[in-house]
Protein backbone atom coordinates (compact mmCIF):
# COMPACT_ATOMS: atom_id res chain seq x y z
CA UNK A 1 43.30 -16.90 -8.35
CA UNK A 2 44.65 -17.56 -4.86
CA UNK A 3 44.64 -21.04 -3.31
CA UNK A 4 42.02 -20.18 -0.70
CA UNK A 5 39.56 -19.08 -3.38
CA UNK A 6 40.02 -22.40 -5.17
CA UNK A 7 38.90 -24.11 -1.97
CA UNK A 8 35.99 -21.66 -1.59
CA UNK A 9 34.84 -22.45 -5.11
CA UNK A 10 35.02 -26.20 -4.46
CA UNK A 11 33.07 -25.93 -1.19
CA UNK A 12 30.27 -23.85 -2.70
CA UNK A 13 30.05 -25.89 -5.89
CA UNK A 14 29.26 -28.85 -3.64
CA UNK A 15 26.82 -26.70 -1.68
CA UNK A 16 25.01 -25.69 -4.87
CA UNK A 17 24.50 -29.29 -5.88
CA UNK A 18 23.44 -30.68 -2.49
CA UNK A 19 22.47 -28.86 0.73
CA UNK A 20 25.30 -28.61 3.26
CA UNK A 21 23.51 -28.22 6.57
CA UNK A 22 26.72 -27.53 8.53
CA UNK A 23 27.82 -24.72 6.20
CA UNK A 24 27.31 -21.33 7.83
CA UNK A 25 24.68 -20.99 10.50
CA UNK A 26 21.57 -19.01 9.59
CA UNK A 27 20.28 -17.19 12.66
CA UNK A 28 17.42 -15.16 11.19
CA UNK A 29 14.37 -17.03 9.89
CA UNK A 30 13.19 -16.18 6.38
CA UNK A 31 10.72 -13.33 6.08
CA UNK A 32 7.16 -14.57 6.53
CA UNK A 33 5.09 -12.18 4.46
CA UNK A 34 1.62 -12.39 2.91
CA UNK A 35 1.83 -14.27 -0.35
CA UNK A 36 5.53 -15.13 -0.03
CA UNK A 37 6.43 -18.81 -0.36
CA UNK A 38 10.12 -19.78 -0.28
CA UNK A 39 10.94 -23.07 -2.05
CA UNK A 40 12.35 -25.80 0.15
CA UNK A 41 15.54 -25.96 -1.92
CA UNK A 42 16.29 -22.32 -1.12
CA UNK A 43 15.73 -22.85 2.59
CA UNK A 44 18.02 -25.89 2.57
CA UNK A 45 20.77 -23.86 0.87
CA UNK A 46 20.46 -20.71 2.97
CA UNK A 47 24.14 -20.22 3.75
CA UNK A 48 23.94 -16.77 5.31
CA UNK A 49 24.49 -15.78 8.92
CA UNK A 50 21.78 -13.11 9.24
CA UNK A 51 19.54 -11.10 6.92
CA UNK A 52 20.22 -8.24 4.54
CA UNK A 53 16.58 -7.67 3.57
CA UNK A 54 14.87 -4.70 5.20
CA UNK A 55 11.88 -2.86 3.74
CA UNK A 56 13.12 0.54 4.89
CA UNK A 57 16.18 0.19 2.64
CA UNK A 58 13.99 -0.49 -0.38
CA UNK A 59 11.39 2.28 -0.21
CA UNK A 60 13.00 4.34 -3.00
CA UNK A 61 15.20 1.68 -4.58
CA UNK A 62 14.98 1.08 -8.30
CA UNK A 63 17.85 -1.39 -8.63
CA UNK A 64 19.41 -3.71 -6.06
CA UNK A 65 22.62 -5.73 -6.35
CA UNK A 66 22.97 -8.95 -4.37
CA UNK A 67 26.53 -10.33 -4.40
CA UNK A 68 26.91 -14.04 -3.74
CA UNK A 69 23.34 -14.85 -4.75
CA UNK A 70 23.58 -18.45 -3.57
CA UNK A 71 20.34 -20.33 -4.05
CA UNK A 72 18.43 -17.08 -4.55
CA UNK A 73 16.42 -16.81 -1.32
CA UNK A 74 17.27 -13.22 -0.49
CA UNK A 75 16.94 -12.23 -4.16
CA UNK A 76 13.40 -13.62 -3.99
CA UNK A 77 12.73 -11.71 -0.76
CA UNK A 78 14.03 -8.49 -2.30
CA UNK A 79 11.82 -9.07 -5.34
CA UNK A 80 8.79 -9.25 -3.05
CA UNK A 81 9.23 -5.54 -2.34
CA UNK A 82 10.40 -4.38 -5.79
CA UNK A 83 8.37 -6.48 -8.27
CA UNK A 84 9.94 -5.13 -11.46
CA UNK A 85 11.81 -6.75 -14.30
CA UNK A 86 15.55 -6.68 -13.64
CA UNK A 87 15.13 -4.82 -10.34
CA UNK A 88 17.41 -7.32 -8.56
CA UNK A 89 20.81 -8.33 -9.94
CA UNK A 90 21.98 -11.62 -8.44
CA UNK A 91 25.72 -12.06 -8.88
CA UNK A 92 27.82 -15.15 -8.26
CA UNK A 93 31.25 -16.30 -9.39
CA UNK A 94 30.12 -19.94 -9.69
CA UNK A 95 28.05 -21.13 -12.63
CA UNK A 96 26.89 -24.09 -10.52
CA UNK A 97 25.33 -21.73 -8.01
CA UNK A 98 23.77 -19.57 -10.72
CA UNK A 99 22.23 -22.66 -12.31
CA UNK A 100 20.80 -23.73 -8.94
CA UNK A 101 19.46 -20.23 -8.27
CA UNK A 102 17.84 -20.06 -11.70
CA UNK A 103 16.12 -23.39 -11.22
CA UNK A 104 14.85 -22.48 -7.76
CA UNK A 105 13.66 -19.04 -8.88
CA UNK A 106 11.60 -20.74 -11.58
CA UNK A 107 10.23 -23.01 -8.86
CA UNK A 108 9.42 -19.90 -6.81
CA UNK A 109 7.40 -18.49 -9.70
CA UNK A 110 5.19 -21.58 -9.57
CA UNK A 111 4.63 -21.07 -5.82
CA UNK A 112 4.11 -17.27 -5.92
CA UNK A 113 1.64 -15.80 -8.39
CA UNK A 114 3.16 -12.31 -7.98
CA UNK A 115 6.72 -13.40 -8.86
CA UNK A 116 8.27 -13.59 -12.30
CA UNK A 117 11.84 -14.91 -12.72
CA UNK A 118 12.59 -11.83 -14.85
CA UNK A 119 12.52 -9.80 -11.64
CA UNK A 120 16.00 -11.23 -10.91
CA UNK A 121 18.80 -10.87 -13.43
CA UNK A 122 21.43 -13.53 -12.72
CA UNK A 123 24.99 -12.60 -13.69
CA UNK A 124 28.31 -14.33 -13.33
CA UNK A 125 30.96 -12.16 -11.77
CA UNK A 126 33.41 -11.62 -8.93
CA UNK A 127 32.79 -9.37 -5.93
CA UNK A 128 36.31 -8.00 -6.28
CA UNK A 129 35.67 -6.77 -9.83
CA UNK A 130 31.97 -6.16 -10.25
CA UNK A 131 30.62 -6.27 -13.83
CA UNK A 132 28.50 -3.14 -13.30
CA UNK A 133 28.97 0.50 -14.16
CA UNK A 134 29.70 3.07 -11.48
CA UNK A 135 26.78 4.59 -9.54
CA UNK A 136 24.29 2.18 -11.09
CA UNK A 137 22.51 0.64 -8.06
CA UNK A 138 20.62 2.03 -5.07
CA UNK A 139 21.26 -0.84 -2.65
CA UNK A 140 23.99 -3.47 -2.61
CA UNK A 141 24.01 -6.46 -0.28
CA UNK A 142 26.02 -9.53 0.69
CA UNK A 143 25.47 -12.16 3.35
CA UNK A 144 28.31 -14.15 4.92
CA UNK A 145 30.63 -13.74 1.93
CA UNK A 146 33.02 -10.93 2.73
CA UNK A 147 34.28 -12.61 5.92
CA UNK A 148 35.75 -15.30 3.66
CA UNK A 149 38.04 -12.81 1.92
CA UNK A 150 41.59 -12.11 2.96
CA UNK A 151 42.16 -8.46 3.77
CA UNK A 152 43.34 -7.34 0.36
CA UNK A 153 40.39 -9.02 -1.32
CA UNK A 154 38.02 -7.57 1.30
CA UNK A 155 39.36 -4.09 0.56
CA UNK A 156 38.77 -4.61 -3.15
CA UNK A 157 35.24 -5.98 -2.63
CA UNK A 158 34.17 -3.10 -0.38
CA UNK A 159 35.70 -0.58 -2.79
CA UNK A 160 33.75 -2.13 -5.65
CA UNK A 161 30.48 -1.97 -3.69
CA UNK A 162 31.15 1.71 -3.00
CA UNK A 163 31.88 2.33 -6.68
CA UNK A 164 28.65 0.84 -8.05
CA UNK A 165 26.38 2.51 -5.46
CA UNK A 166 24.72 5.78 -6.29
CA UNK A 167 25.30 8.70 -3.88
CA UNK A 168 23.41 8.05 -0.62
CA UNK A 169 23.02 4.40 -1.63
CA UNK A 170 23.22 1.67 1.01
CA UNK A 171 25.51 -1.29 1.41
CA UNK A 172 23.85 -3.92 3.60
CA UNK A 173 26.02 -6.68 5.03
CA UNK A 174 25.84 -9.64 7.36
CA UNK A 175 29.05 -11.35 8.46
CA UNK A 176 30.63 -13.11 11.42
CA UNK A 177 33.02 -11.12 13.60
CA UNK A 178 35.39 -12.46 16.21
CA UNK A 179 35.70 -11.56 19.90
CA UNK A 180 39.51 -11.85 19.68
CA UNK A 181 42.02 -12.04 16.82
CA UNK A 182 41.83 -15.35 14.95
CA UNK A 183 45.14 -17.27 15.24
CA UNK A 184 47.03 -17.04 11.96
CA UNK A 185 47.20 -20.82 11.47
CA UNK A 186 43.38 -20.96 11.49
CA UNK A 187 43.05 -17.88 9.31
CA UNK A 188 45.37 -19.55 6.80
CA UNK A 189 43.26 -22.72 6.69
CA UNK A 190 41.36 -22.36 3.38
CA UNK A 191 38.59 -24.81 4.29
CA UNK A 192 37.86 -23.16 7.65
CA UNK A 193 37.82 -19.81 5.86
CA UNK A 194 35.44 -21.15 3.20
CA UNK A 195 33.17 -22.41 5.99
CA UNK A 196 32.94 -18.86 7.44
CA UNK A 197 34.83 -19.87 10.58
CA UNK A 198 38.32 -18.40 10.43
CA UNK A 199 38.19 -15.26 8.27
CA UNK A 200 36.28 -13.12 10.77
CA UNK A 201 37.74 -9.77 11.83
CA UNK A 202 37.09 -8.15 15.16
CA UNK A 203 34.16 -5.74 15.04
CA UNK A 204 36.22 -2.53 15.17
CA UNK A 205 38.43 -3.77 12.32
CA UNK A 206 35.39 -4.78 10.28
CA UNK A 207 33.73 -1.38 10.70
CA UNK A 208 36.99 0.42 9.92
CA UNK A 209 37.34 -1.54 6.68
CA UNK A 210 33.90 -0.26 5.66
CA UNK A 211 34.86 3.32 6.52
CA UNK A 212 38.17 2.96 4.67
CA UNK A 213 36.15 2.10 1.54
CA UNK A 214 34.57 5.58 1.75
CA UNK A 215 31.31 5.09 3.66
CA UNK A 216 30.59 8.05 5.94
CA UNK A 217 27.71 6.54 7.95
CA UNK A 218 27.61 3.01 9.35
CA UNK A 219 24.72 1.43 11.28
CA UNK A 220 25.15 -1.71 13.38
CA UNK A 221 21.64 -3.14 13.28
CA UNK A 222 22.05 -6.51 14.98
CA UNK A 223 24.64 -8.54 16.86
CA UNK A 224 24.14 -12.08 18.13
CA UNK A 225 26.11 -15.29 18.83
CA UNK A 226 27.07 -17.23 15.70
CA UNK A 227 29.56 -20.03 16.34
CA UNK A 228 32.38 -21.02 18.70
CA UNK A 229 35.86 -22.07 17.65
CA UNK A 230 36.27 -24.44 20.54
CA UNK A 231 39.62 -24.95 22.21
CA UNK A 232 39.51 -28.75 22.12
CA UNK A 233 38.98 -29.22 18.39
CA UNK A 234 41.16 -26.31 17.26
CA UNK A 235 44.03 -26.64 19.76
CA UNK A 236 43.40 -23.25 21.36
CA UNK A 237 44.04 -21.97 24.86
CA UNK A 238 40.41 -20.92 25.13
CA UNK A 239 37.22 -20.91 23.09
CA UNK A 240 36.74 -18.09 20.58
CA UNK A 241 33.23 -16.68 20.25
CA UNK A 242 32.12 -15.63 16.78
CA UNK A 243 29.15 -13.28 16.48
CA UNK A 244 26.91 -12.50 13.53
CA UNK A 245 26.35 -8.82 12.81
CA UNK A 246 24.06 -6.97 10.42
CA UNK A 247 25.34 -3.64 9.17
CA UNK A 248 24.16 -0.93 6.78
CA UNK A 249 26.65 1.56 5.37
CA UNK A 250 25.58 4.71 3.56
CA UNK A 251 27.57 6.17 0.68
CA UNK A 252 27.84 9.72 1.94
CA UNK A 253 30.96 11.81 2.53
CA UNK A 254 33.01 11.07 5.62
CA UNK A 255 32.72 14.17 7.88
CA UNK A 256 35.88 16.07 8.73
CA UNK A 257 35.60 14.90 12.34
CA UNK A 258 35.21 11.24 11.37
CA UNK A 259 32.48 8.79 10.36
CA UNK A 260 29.12 8.46 12.07
CA UNK A 261 28.94 4.93 13.47
CA UNK A 262 25.68 3.98 15.16
CA UNK A 263 25.78 1.13 17.68
CA UNK A 264 22.40 1.66 19.33
CA UNK A 265 23.38 4.39 21.78
CA UNK A 266 20.94 7.07 22.98
CA UNK A 267 21.23 10.47 24.62
CA UNK A 268 18.52 11.72 27.01
CA UNK A 269 18.35 15.28 28.30
CA UNK A 270 16.81 15.50 31.80
CA UNK A 271 17.49 19.15 32.63
CA UNK A 272 15.18 22.04 33.49
CA UNK A 273 14.84 23.52 29.99
CA UNK A 274 12.58 22.17 27.27
CA UNK A 275 15.56 21.06 25.23
CA UNK A 276 19.34 21.04 25.00
CA UNK A 277 21.12 22.26 21.85
CA UNK A 278 24.80 21.36 21.59
CA UNK A 279 25.32 23.92 18.83
CA UNK A 280 26.37 21.20 16.39
CA UNK A 281 22.99 20.26 15.00
CA UNK A 282 21.87 17.99 17.83
CA UNK A 283 18.81 19.08 19.78
CA UNK A 284 17.75 16.84 22.67
CA UNK A 285 14.16 17.28 23.78
CA UNK A 286 13.72 16.88 27.52
CA UNK A 287 13.08 13.28 28.62
CA UNK A 288 13.03 12.03 25.01
CA UNK A 289 15.73 9.50 24.00
CA UNK A 290 17.50 10.29 20.74
CA UNK A 291 19.71 7.85 18.92
CA UNK A 292 23.26 9.15 18.61
CA UNK A 293 26.33 7.91 16.84
CA UNK A 294 29.34 6.97 18.90
CA UNK A 295 31.10 10.19 17.89
CA UNK A 296 28.24 12.37 19.15
CA UNK A 297 27.92 10.29 22.34
CA UNK A 298 31.61 10.87 23.04
CA UNK A 299 31.29 14.62 22.42
CA UNK A 300 28.25 14.92 24.70
CA UNK A 301 29.97 12.88 27.38
CA UNK A 302 32.99 15.17 27.29
CA UNK A 303 30.76 18.09 28.32
CA UNK A 304 30.62 16.67 31.85
CA UNK A 305 26.95 17.53 32.28
CA UNK A 306 24.84 15.71 34.87
CA UNK A 307 21.63 16.43 32.94
CA UNK A 308 22.52 14.29 29.91
CA UNK A 309 22.22 10.52 30.22
CA UNK A 310 24.12 8.42 27.67
CA UNK A 311 23.21 4.77 27.24
CA UNK A 312 25.72 2.09 26.21
CA UNK A 313 25.59 0.35 22.82
CA UNK A 314 22.74 -2.08 22.32
CA UNK A 315 24.11 -3.18 18.92
CA UNK A 316 20.57 -2.87 17.57
CA UNK A 317 20.09 0.47 15.84
CA UNK A 318 16.62 1.42 14.61
CA UNK A 319 17.46 4.37 12.41
CA UNK A 320 16.23 7.23 14.60
CA UNK A 321 19.59 8.89 14.93
CA UNK A 322 21.18 12.28 15.15
CA UNK A 323 22.83 12.47 11.74
């Protein structure tokens, strides 16, 4: 086990025992849904940077894996939609965190008459070597964990997520990304890395790591400010902005012409005909925006037509796209 992971374990063992309010920086409030009550202990130990729970990912899901279960809040939220014994597998490498999650899930069962702790199967295991069989889950998720990993470990963790997902399954992630490369001396600081401050990749690198693991479609669903590595405290020439992103990656084949990465772009045909067909499976109805991946936007832009309007990325993709 590498030195930085020893520090990570120590930091999160402390965080399991007592809430660490400065650890991570949750930006998305917990789901407020009819009949859903989240125990205070879960809220106090919500160490994510966004949300990986979305009903549209769960419509046909039978089994969901949540890696880095923490205090169990998102496992509880996932259970709200699934409501079956063992439907959610909550994995963590720390027994301290699993014990805390188990206790708080039992507390949640007292607050929610629909919830049974058997809905969540807690397992001890490492994201880099998942204790699950191949193609055994429909959705896999992690929140503010993978940014902690050094690149080799990140590659292994993403590869393992790809392995355990069924074909067309979804990997849902939330992590910080950096506006510029993180200086190596900060990236090598194990405590800053454990605190989700210095392990962030730039967005393009982060998305490429997901593609390199074999995911053919990637959706950037949200992007918002997260933290600042300020120049004064970290002896930098200028402040470094960190942003929180939410991403969904689909386990489908990577097309010959490259992955489909959606960043919230749209194409709008404004010509004289009722529609425009690019001959590649994309039909734009006149005056109707259609979500397009960056690859399709680039191809349409290369046509040089003045009757196709292409919008820039919004970094909030709603799933209405071309592919």
